[in-house]
Amino acid sequence: QDEGKKVSDALVAQGADIVMPVAGGAGLGTTGAAKASGGK
């Protein structure tokens, strides 16, 4: 999951506000961080 979060953090830093992970359980790093972002 930390790898998923790392990749999506980079996408968000470039301006993405919606991210679709296609990475199985690794993608949970993205959904968890998105929920924690409070809607960012």
Full PDB file with SEQRES, HELIX, SHEET, SSBOND, CRYST1, ORIGX, SCALE, CONECT and MASTER records, all heavy atoms in Angstrom:
SEQRES   1 A   40  GLN ASP GLU GLY LYS LYS VAL SER ASP ALA LEU VAL ALA          
SEQRES   2 A   40  GLN GLY ALA ASP ILE VAL MET PRO VAL ALA GLY GLY ALA          
SEQRES   3 A   40  GLY LEU GLY THR THR GLY ALA ALA LYS ALA SER GLY GLY          
SEQRES   4 A   40  LYS                                                          
HELIX    1 AA1 ASP A    2  ALA A   13  1                                  12    
HELIX    2 AA2 GLY A   24  GLY A   27  5                                   4    
HELIX    3 AA3 LEU A   28  ALA A   36  1                                   9    
CRYST1    1.000    1.000    1.000  90.00  90.00  90.00 P 1           1          
ORIGX1      1.000000  0.000000  0.000000        0.00000                         
ORIGX2      0.000000  1.000000  0.000000        0.00000                         
ORIGX3      0.000000  0.000000  1.000000        0.00000                         
SCALE1      1.000000  0.000000  0.000000        0.00000                         
SCALE2      0.000000  1.000000  0.000000        0.00000                         
SCALE3      0.000000  0.000000  1.000000        0.00000                         
ATOM      1  N   GLN A   1       0.812  -1.214   0.000  1.00  0.00           N  
ATOM      2  CA  GLN A   1       0.000   0.000   0.000  1.00  0.00           C  
ATOM      3  C   GLN A   1       0.848   1.268   0.000  1.00  0.00           C  
ATOM      4  O   GLN A   1       0.441   2.294  -0.554  1.00  0.00           O  
ATOM      5  CB  GLN A   1      -0.951  -0.014   1.200  1.00  0.00           C  
ATOM      6  CG  GLN A   1      -1.975  -1.131   1.140  1.00  0.00           C  
ATOM      7  CD  GLN A   1      -2.961  -1.100   2.287  1.00  0.00           C  
ATOM      8  OE1 GLN A   1      -3.202  -0.046   2.887  1.00  0.00           O  
ATOM      9  NE2 GLN A   1      -3.529  -2.250   2.599  1.00  0.00           N  
ATOM     10  N   ASP A   2       2.029   1.200   0.608  1.00  0.00           N  
ATOM     11  CA  ASP A   2       2.874   2.393   0.631  1.00  0.00           C  
ATOM     12  C   ASP A   2       3.349   2.749  -0.780  1.00  0.00           C  
ATOM     13  O   ASP A   2       3.531   3.936  -1.095  1.00  0.00           O  
ATOM     14  CB  ASP A   2       4.063   2.221   1.571  1.00  0.00           C  
ATOM     15  CG  ASP A   2       4.921   1.009   1.246  1.00  0.00           C  
ATOM     16  OD1 ASP A   2       4.421   0.093   0.565  1.00  0.00           O  
ATOM     17  OD2 ASP A   2       6.090   0.977   1.673  1.00  0.00           O  
ATOM     18  N   GLU A   3       3.520   1.726  -1.627  1.00  0.00           N  
ATOM     19  CA  GLU A   3       3.907   2.000  -3.013  1.00  0.00           C  
ATOM     20  C   GLU A   3       2.769   2.658  -3.769  1.00  0.00           C  
ATOM     21  O   GLU A   3       2.976   3.573  -4.571  1.00  0.00           O  
ATOM     22  CB  GLU A   3       4.336   0.705  -3.709  1.00  0.00           C  
ATOM     23  CG  GLU A   3       5.638   0.119  -3.206  1.00  0.00           C  
ATOM     24  CD  GLU A   3       6.813   1.060  -3.423  1.00  0.00           C  
ATOM     25  OE1 GLU A   3       6.895   1.694  -4.494  1.00  0.00           O  
ATOM     26  OE2 GLU A   3       7.660   1.170  -2.512  1.00  0.00           O  
ATOM     27  N   GLY A   4       1.545   2.189  -3.523  1.00  0.00           N  
ATOM     28  CA  GLY A   4       0.386   2.816  -4.153  1.00  0.00           C  
ATOM     29  C   GLY A   4       0.236   4.267  -3.739  1.00  0.00           C  
ATOM     30  O   GLY A   4       0.004   5.154  -4.570  1.00  0.00           O  
ATOM     31  N   LYS A   5       0.397   4.518  -2.452  1.00  0.00           N  
ATOM     32  CA  LYS A   5       0.304   5.891  -1.955  1.00  0.00           C  
ATOM     33  C   LYS A   5       1.384   6.772  -2.555  1.00  0.00           C  
ATOM     34  O   LYS A   5       1.137   7.925  -2.925  1.00  0.00           O  
ATOM     35  CB  LYS A   5       0.394   5.909  -0.429  1.00  0.00           C  
ATOM     36  CG  LYS A   5       0.257   7.309   0.174  1.00  0.00           C  
ATOM     37  CD  LYS A   5       0.352   7.272   1.688  1.00  0.00           C  
ATOM     38  CE  LYS A   5       0.157   8.670   2.277  1.00  0.00           C  
ATOM     39  NZ  LYS A   5       1.182   9.636   1.824  1.00  0.00           N  
ATOM     40  N   LYS A   6       2.576   6.233  -2.673  1.00  0.00           N  
ATOM     41  CA  LYS A   6       3.695   7.002  -3.214  1.00  0.00           C  
ATOM     42  C   LYS A   6       3.400   7.462  -4.655  1.00  0.00           C  
ATOM     43  O   LYS A   6       3.621   8.619  -5.014  1.00  0.00           O  
ATOM     44  CB  LYS A   6       4.972   6.150  -3.194  1.00  0.00           C  
ATOM     45  CG  LYS A   6       6.235   6.889  -3.602  1.00  0.00           C  
ATOM     46  CD  LYS A   6       7.431   5.934  -3.683  1.00  0.00           C  
ATOM     47  CE  LYS A   6       7.676   5.215  -2.381  1.00  0.00           C  
ATOM     48  NZ  LYS A   6       8.860   4.304  -2.473  1.00  0.00           N  
ATOM     49  N   VAL A   7       2.883   6.531  -5.465  1.00  0.00           N  
ATOM     50  CA  VAL A   7       2.589   6.868  -6.863  1.00  0.00           C  
ATOM     51  C   VAL A   7       1.448   7.874  -6.950  1.00  0.00           C  
ATOM     52  O   VAL A   7       1.519   8.856  -7.700  1.00  0.00           O  
ATOM     53  CB  VAL A   7       2.252   5.606  -7.673  1.00  0.00           C  
ATOM     54  CG1 VAL A   7       1.814   5.975  -9.083  1.00  0.00           C  
ATOM     55  CG2 VAL A   7       3.454   4.672  -7.738  1.00  0.00           C  
ATOM     56  N   SER A   8       0.396   7.663  -6.178  1.00  0.00           N  
ATOM     57  CA  SER A   8      -0.736   8.594  -6.258  1.00  0.00           C  
ATOM     58  C   SER A   8      -0.388   9.955  -5.660  1.00  0.00           C  
ATOM     59  O   SER A   8      -0.878  10.990  -6.136  1.00  0.00           O  
ATOM     60  CB  SER A   8      -1.980   8.011  -5.591  1.00  0.00           C  
ATOM     61  OG  SER A   8      -1.749   7.649  -4.255  1.00  0.00           O  
ATOM     62  N   ASP A   9       0.474   9.984  -4.648  1.00  0.00           N  
ATOM     63  CA  ASP A   9       0.928  11.276  -4.108  1.00  0.00           C  
ATOM     64  C   ASP A   9       1.597  12.105  -5.206  1.00  0.00           C  
ATOM     65  O   ASP A   9       1.406  13.331  -5.284  1.00  0.00           O  
ATOM     66  CB  ASP A   9       1.933  11.057  -2.969  1.00  0.00           C  
ATOM     67  CG  ASP A   9       1.265  10.688  -1.648  1.00  0.00           C  
ATOM     68  OD1 ASP A   9       0.024  10.744  -1.569  1.00  0.00           O  
ATOM     69  OD2 ASP A   9       2.001  10.319  -0.701  1.00  0.00           O  
ATOM     70  N   ALA A  10       2.370  11.423  -6.054  1.00  0.00           N  
ATOM     71  CA  ALA A  10       3.044  12.124  -7.155  1.00  0.00           C  
ATOM     72  C   ALA A  10       2.035  12.666  -8.158  1.00  0.00           C  
ATOM     73  O   ALA A  10       2.187  13.789  -8.666  1.00  0.00           O  
ATOM     74  CB  ALA A  10       4.029  11.191  -7.848  1.00  0.00           C  
ATOM     75  N   LEU A  11       0.995  11.892  -8.431  1.00  0.00           N  
ATOM     76  CA  LEU A  11      -0.044  12.341  -9.372  1.00  0.00           C  
ATOM     77  C   LEU A  11      -0.821  13.531  -8.807  1.00  0.00           C  
ATOM     78  O   LEU A  11      -1.122  14.491  -9.521  1.00  0.00           O  
ATOM     79  CB  LEU A  11      -0.999  11.190  -9.695  1.00  0.00           C  
ATOM     80  CG  LEU A  11      -0.378   9.976 -10.397  1.00  0.00           C  
ATOM     81  CD1 LEU A  11      -1.412   8.862 -10.538  1.00  0.00           C  
ATOM     82  CD2 LEU A  11       0.170  10.361 -11.773  1.00  0.00           C  
ATOM     83  N   VAL A  12      -1.110  13.455  -7.515  1.00  0.00           N  
ATOM     84  CA  VAL A  12      -1.827  14.558  -6.864  1.00  0.00           C  
ATOM     85  C   VAL A  12      -0.960  15.816  -6.846  1.00  0.00           C  
ATOM     86  O   VAL A  12      -1.446  16.935  -7.058  1.00  0.00           O  
ATOM     87  CB  VAL A  12      -2.258  14.151  -5.432  1.00  0.00           C  
ATOM     88  CG1 VAL A  12      -2.817  15.347  -4.668  1.00  0.00           C  
ATOM     89  CG2 VAL A  12      -3.295  13.030  -5.497  1.00  0.00           C  
ATOM     90  N   ALA A  13       0.332  15.638  -6.618  1.00  0.00           N  
ATOM     91  CA  ALA A  13       1.254  16.782  -6.622  1.00  0.00           C  
ATOM     92  C   ALA A  13       1.293  17.460  -7.984  1.00  0.00           C  
ATOM     93  O   ALA A  13       1.546  18.671  -8.080  1.00  0.00           O  
ATOM     94  CB  ALA A  13       2.659  16.315  -6.224  1.00  0.00           C  
ATOM     95  N   GLN A  14       1.016  16.689  -9.043  1.00  0.00           N  
ATOM     96  CA  GLN A  14       0.974  17.260 -10.397  1.00  0.00           C  
ATOM     97  C   GLN A  14      -0.383  17.874 -10.733  1.00  0.00           C  
ATOM     98  O   GLN A  14      -0.552  18.437 -11.802  1.00  0.00           O  
ATOM     99  CB  GLN A  14       1.296  16.164 -11.416  1.00  0.00           C  
ATOM    100  CG  GLN A  14       2.707  15.609 -11.337  1.00  0.00           C  
ATOM    101  CD  GLN A  14       2.900  14.428 -12.266  1.00  0.00           C  
ATOM    102  OE1 GLN A  14       2.732  14.539 -13.484  1.00  0.00           O  
ATOM    103  NE2 GLN A  14       3.228  13.271 -11.706  1.00  0.00           N  
ATOM    104  N   GLY A  15      -1.349  17.728  -9.821  1.00  0.00           N  
ATOM    105  CA  GLY A  15      -2.631  18.392 -10.028  1.00  0.00           C  
ATOM    106  C   GLY A  15      -3.849  17.503 -10.098  1.00  0.00           C  
ATOM    107  O   GLY A  15      -4.978  18.000 -10.174  1.00  0.00           O  
ATOM    108  N   ALA A  16      -3.684  16.187 -10.088  1.00  0.00           N  
ATOM    109  CA  ALA A  16      -4.842  15.291 -10.176  1.00  0.00           C  
ATOM    110  C   ALA A  16      -5.678  15.353  -8.904  1.00  0.00           C  
ATOM    111  O   ALA A  16      -5.132  15.286  -7.795  1.00  0.00           O  
ATOM    112  CB  ALA A  16      -4.385  13.862 -10.430  1.00  0.00           C  
ATOM    113  N   ASP A  17      -6.988  15.479  -9.061  1.00  0.00           N  
ATOM    114  CA  ASP A  17      -7.858  15.436  -7.881  1.00  0.00           C  
ATOM    115  C   ASP A  17      -8.787  14.216  -7.904  1.00  0.00           C  
ATOM    116  O   ASP A  17      -9.608  14.039  -7.008  1.00  0.00           O  
ATOM    117  CB  ASP A  17      -8.652  16.733  -7.706  1.00  0.00           C  
ATOM    118  CG  ASP A  17      -9.593  17.024  -8.870  1.00  0.00           C  
ATOM    119  OD1 ASP A  17      -9.510  16.339  -9.909  1.00  0.00           O  
ATOM    120  OD2 ASP A  17     -10.417  17.953  -8.735  1.00  0.00           O  
ATOM    121  N   ILE A  18      -8.629  13.374  -8.920  1.00  0.00           N  
ATOM    122  CA  ILE A  18      -9.305  12.080  -8.975  1.00  0.00           C  
ATOM    123  C   ILE A  18      -8.280  11.072  -9.502  1.00  0.00           C  
ATOM    124  O   ILE A  18      -7.670  11.306 -10.544  1.00  0.00           O  
ATOM    125  CB  ILE A  18     -10.549  12.105  -9.898  1.00  0.00           C  
ATOM    126  CG1 ILE A  18     -11.590  13.103  -9.373  1.00  0.00           C  
ATOM    127  CG2 ILE A  18     -11.160  10.702 -10.015  1.00  0.00           C  
ATOM    128  CD1 ILE A  18     -12.772  13.313 -10.314  1.00  0.00           C  
ATOM    129  N   VAL A  19      -8.099   9.973  -8.780  1.00  0.00           N  
ATOM    130  CA  VAL A  19      -7.092   8.979  -9.162  1.00  0.00           C  
ATOM    131  C   VAL A  19      -7.735   7.592  -9.208  1.00  0.00           C  
ATOM    132  O   VAL A  19      -8.455   7.213  -8.284  1.00  0.00           O  
ATOM    133  CB  VAL A  19      -5.908   8.955  -8.172  1.00  0.00           C  
ATOM    134  CG1 VAL A  19      -4.896   7.873  -8.564  1.00  0.00           C  
ATOM    135  CG2 VAL A  19      -5.224  10.321  -8.113  1.00  0.00           C  
ATOM    136  N   MET A  20      -7.447   6.847 -10.275  1.00  0.00           N  
ATOM    137  CA  MET A  20      -7.928   5.473 -10.400  1.00  0.00           C  
ATOM    138  C   MET A  20      -6.746   4.509 -10.330  1.00  0.00           C  
ATOM    139  O   MET A  20      -6.018   4.342 -11.302  1.00  0.00           O  
ATOM    140  CB  MET A  20      -8.684   5.263 -11.719  1.00  0.00           C  
ATOM    141  CG  MET A  20      -9.243   3.849 -11.876  1.00  0.00           C  
ATOM    142  SD  MET A  20     -10.109   3.546 -13.452  1.00  0.00           S  
ATOM    143  CE  MET A  20      -8.697   3.365 -14.568  1.00  0.00           C  
ATOM    144  N   PRO A  21      -6.536   3.853  -9.174  1.00  0.00           N  
ATOM    145  CA  PRO A  21      -5.474   2.842  -9.101  1.00  0.00           C  
ATOM    146  C   PRO A  21      -5.962   1.521  -9.694  1.00  0.00           C  
ATOM    147  O   PRO A  21      -7.092   1.106  -9.444  1.00  0.00           O  
ATOM    148  CB  PRO A  21      -5.229   2.705  -7.594  1.00  0.00           C  
ATOM    149  CG  PRO A  21      -6.510   3.113  -6.951  1.00  0.00           C  
ATOM    150  CD  PRO A  21      -7.184   4.076  -7.874  1.00  0.00           C  
ATOM    151  N   VAL A  22      -5.103   0.878 -10.480  1.00  0.00           N  
ATOM    152  CA  VAL A  22      -5.415  -0.449 -11.023  1.00  0.00           C  
ATOM    153  C   VAL A  22      -4.296  -1.360 -10.543  1.00  0.00           C  
ATOM    154  O   VAL A  22      -3.469  -1.842 -11.306  1.00  0.00           O  
ATOM    155  CB  VAL A  22      -5.487  -0.432 -12.564  1.00  0.00           C  
ATOM    156  CG1 VAL A  22      -6.086  -1.739 -13.079  1.00  0.00           C  
ATOM    157  CG2 VAL A  22      -6.305   0.758 -13.064  1.00  0.00           C  
ATOM    158  N   ALA A  23      -4.239  -1.559  -9.239  1.00  0.00           N  
ATOM    159  CA  ALA A  23      -3.071  -2.183  -8.623  1.00  0.00           C  
ATOM    160  C   ALA A  23      -3.428  -3.130  -7.488  1.00  0.00           C  
ATOM    161  O   ALA A  23      -2.627  -3.346  -6.582  1.00  0.00           O  
ATOM    162  CB  ALA A  23      -2.123  -1.099  -8.120  1.00  0.00           C  
ATOM    163  N   GLY A  24      -4.632  -3.686  -7.532  1.00  0.00           N  
ATOM    164  CA  GLY A  24      -5.027  -4.612  -6.486  1.00  0.00           C  
ATOM    165  C   GLY A  24      -4.930  -3.980  -5.112  1.00  0.00           C  
ATOM    166  O   GLY A  24      -5.264  -2.801  -4.918  1.00  0.00           O  
ATOM    167  N   GLY A  25      -4.423  -4.742  -4.138  1.00  0.00           N  
ATOM    168  CA  GLY A  25      -4.333  -4.250  -2.772  1.00  0.00           C  
ATOM    169  C   GLY A  25      -3.434  -3.050  -2.599  1.00  0.00           C  
ATOM    170  O   GLY A  25      -3.606  -2.263  -1.657  1.00  0.00           O  
ATOM    171  N   ALA A  26      -2.461  -2.860  -3.495  1.00  0.00           N  
ATOM    172  CA  ALA A  26      -1.586  -1.683  -3.400  1.00  0.00           C  
ATOM    173  C   ALA A  26      -2.393  -0.396  -3.534  1.00  0.00           C  
ATOM    174  O   ALA A  26      -2.030   0.639  -2.972  1.00  0.00           O  
ATOM    175  CB  ALA A  26      -0.497  -1.744  -4.474  1.00  0.00           C  
ATOM    176  N   GLY A  27      -3.492  -0.468  -4.261  1.00  0.00           N  
ATOM    177  CA  GLY A  27      -4.332   0.710  -4.458  1.00  0.00           C  
ATOM    178  C   GLY A  27      -5.009   1.192  -3.193  1.00  0.00           C  
ATOM    179  O   GLY A  27      -5.488   2.334  -3.125  1.00  0.00           O  
ATOM    180  N   LEU A  28      -5.059   0.335  -2.164  1.00  0.00           N  
ATOM    181  CA  LEU A  28      -5.656   0.755  -0.897  1.00  0.00           C  
ATOM    182  C   LEU A  28      -4.848   1.863  -0.239  1.00  0.00           C  
ATOM    183  O   LEU A  28      -5.377   2.624   0.572  1.00  0.00           O  
ATOM    184  CB  LEU A  28      -5.771  -0.446   0.053  1.00  0.00           C  
ATOM    185  CG  LEU A  28      -6.731  -1.559  -0.402  1.00  0.00           C  
ATOM    186  CD1 LEU A  28      -6.579  -2.788   0.482  1.00  0.00           C  
ATOM    187  CD2 LEU A  28      -8.171  -1.055  -0.389  1.00  0.00           C  
ATOM    188  N   GLY A  29      -3.571   1.964  -0.599  1.00  0.00           N  
ATOM    189  CA  GLY A  29      -2.768   3.079  -0.105  1.00  0.00           C  
ATOM    190  C   GLY A  29      -3.282   4.403  -0.623  1.00  0.00           C  
ATOM    191  O   GLY A  29      -3.208   5.439   0.063  1.00  0.00           O  
ATOM    192  N   THR A  30      -3.833   4.373  -1.828  1.00  0.00           N  
ATOM    193  CA  THR A  30      -4.397   5.582  -2.433  1.00  0.00           C  
ATOM    194  C   THR A  30      -5.759   5.916  -1.849  1.00  0.00           C  
ATOM    195  O   THR A  30      -6.022   7.069  -1.486  1.00  0.00           O  
ATOM    196  CB  THR A  30      -4.518   5.397  -3.960  1.00  0.00           C  
ATOM    197  OG1 THR A  30      -3.205   5.261  -4.512  1.00  0.00           O  
ATOM    198  CG2 THR A  30      -5.209   6.585  -4.604  1.00  0.00           C  
ATOM    199  N   THR A  31      -6.641   4.922  -1.742  1.00  0.00           N  
ATOM    200  CA  THR A  31      -7.987   5.213  -1.226  1.00  0.00           C  
ATOM    201  C   THR A  31      -7.935   5.666   0.227  1.00  0.00           C  
ATOM    202  O   THR A  31      -8.669   6.571   0.637  1.00  0.00           O  
ATOM    203  CB  THR A  31      -8.914   3.991  -1.368  1.00  0.00           C  
ATOM    204  OG1 THR A  31      -8.356   2.865  -0.662  1.00  0.00           O  
ATOM    205  CG2 THR A  31      -9.109   3.625  -2.837  1.00  0.00           C  
ATOM    206  N   GLY A  32      -7.032   5.041   1.008  1.00  0.00           N  
ATOM    207  CA  GLY A  32      -6.899   5.443   2.406  1.00  0.00           C  
ATOM    208  C   GLY A  32      -6.391   6.866   2.544  1.00  0.00           C  
ATOM    209  O   GLY A  32      -6.895   7.647   3.357  1.00  0.00           O  
ATOM    210  N   ALA A  33      -5.392   7.219   1.725  1.00  0.00           N  
ATOM    211  CA  ALA A  33      -4.845   8.574   1.776  1.00  0.00           C  
ATOM    212  C   ALA A  33      -5.857   9.592   1.275  1.00  0.00           C  
ATOM    213  O   ALA A  33      -5.939  10.718   1.799  1.00  0.00           O  
ATOM    214  CB  ALA A  33      -3.569   8.651   0.943  1.00  0.00           C  
ATOM    215  N   ALA A  34      -6.638   9.201   0.277  1.00  0.00           N  
ATOM    216  CA  ALA A  34      -7.665  10.113  -0.251  1.00  0.00           C  
ATOM    217  C   ALA A  34      -8.715  10.395   0.815  1.00  0.00           C  
ATOM    218  O   ALA A  34      -9.137  11.541   1.003  1.00  0.00           O  
ATOM    219  CB  ALA A  34      -8.311   9.512  -1.499  1.00  0.00           C  
ATOM    220  N   LYS A  35      -9.120   9.348   1.538  1.00  0.00           N  
ATOM    221  CA  LYS A  35     -10.102   9.560   2.604  1.00  0.00           C  
ATOM    222  C   LYS A  35      -9.526  10.472   3.679  1.00  0.00           C  
ATOM    223  O   LYS A  35     -10.210  11.364   4.186  1.00  0.00           O  
ATOM    224  CB  LYS A  35     -10.527   8.220   3.208  1.00  0.00           C  
ATOM    225  CG  LYS A  35     -11.655   8.364   4.228  1.00  0.00           C  
ATOM    226  CD  LYS A  35     -12.222   7.026   4.659  1.00  0.00           C  
ATOM    227  CE  LYS A  35     -11.326   6.310   5.633  1.00  0.00           C  
ATOM    228  NZ  LYS A  35     -12.015   5.151   6.275  1.00  0.00           N  
ATOM    229  N   ALA A  36      -8.255  10.273   3.999  1.00  0.00           N  
ATOM    230  CA  ALA A  36      -7.607  11.092   5.021  1.00  0.00           C  
ATOM    231  C   ALA A  36      -7.400  12.537   4.571  1.00  0.00           C  
ATOM    232  O   ALA A  36      -7.247  13.435   5.396  1.00  0.00           O  
ATOM    233  CB  ALA A  36      -6.256  10.476   5.395  1.00  0.00           C  
ATOM    234  N   SER A  37      -7.433  12.766   3.255  1.00  0.00           N  
ATOM    235  CA  SER A  37      -7.205  14.121   2.737  1.00  0.00           C  
ATOM    236  C   SER A  37      -8.400  15.037   2.942  1.00  0.00           C  
ATOM    237  O   SER A  37      -8.308  16.242   2.702  1.00  0.00           O  
ATOM    238  CB  SER A  37      -6.870  14.063   1.236  1.00  0.00           C  
ATOM    239  OG  SER A  37      -8.043  13.888   0.442  1.00  0.00           O  
ATOM    240  N   GLY A  38      -9.520  14.463   3.364  1.00  0.00           N  
ATOM    241  CA  GLY A  38     -10.697  15.282   3.631  1.00  0.00           C  
ATOM    242  C   GLY A  38     -11.298  15.915   2.395  1.00  0.00           C  
ATOM    243  O   GLY A  38     -11.849  17.021   2.463  1.00  0.00           O  
ATOM    244  N   GLY A  39     -11.180  15.251   1.271  1.00  0.00           N  
ATOM    245  CA  GLY A  39     -11.789  15.761   0.041  1.00  0.00           C  
ATOM    246  C   GLY A  39     -10.839  16.476  -0.888  1.00  0.00           C  
ATOM    247  O   GLY A  39     -11.236  16.937  -1.959  1.00  0.00           O  
ATOM    248  N   LYS A  40      -9.566  16.565  -0.513  1.00  0.00           N  
ATOM    249  CA  LYS A  40      -8.593  17.206  -1.407  1.00  0.00           C  
ATOM    250  C   LYS A  40      -8.550  16.471  -2.744  1.00  0.00           C  
ATOM    251  O   LYS A  40      -8.435  17.078  -3.803  1.00  0.00           O  
ATOM    252  CB  LYS A  40      -7.205  17.216  -0.764  1.00  0.00           C  
ATOM    253  CG  LYS A  40      -6.132  17.824  -1.674  1.00  0.00           C  
ATOM    254  CD  LYS A  40      -4.738  17.769  -1.048  1.00  0.00           C  
ATOM    255  CE  LYS A  40      -3.683  18.295  -1.996  1.00  0.00           C  
ATOM    256  NZ  LYS A  40      -2.305  18.171  -1.436  1.00  0.00           N  
TER     257      LYS A  40                                                      
MASTER        0    0    0    3    0    0    0    6  256    1    0    4          
END                                                                             
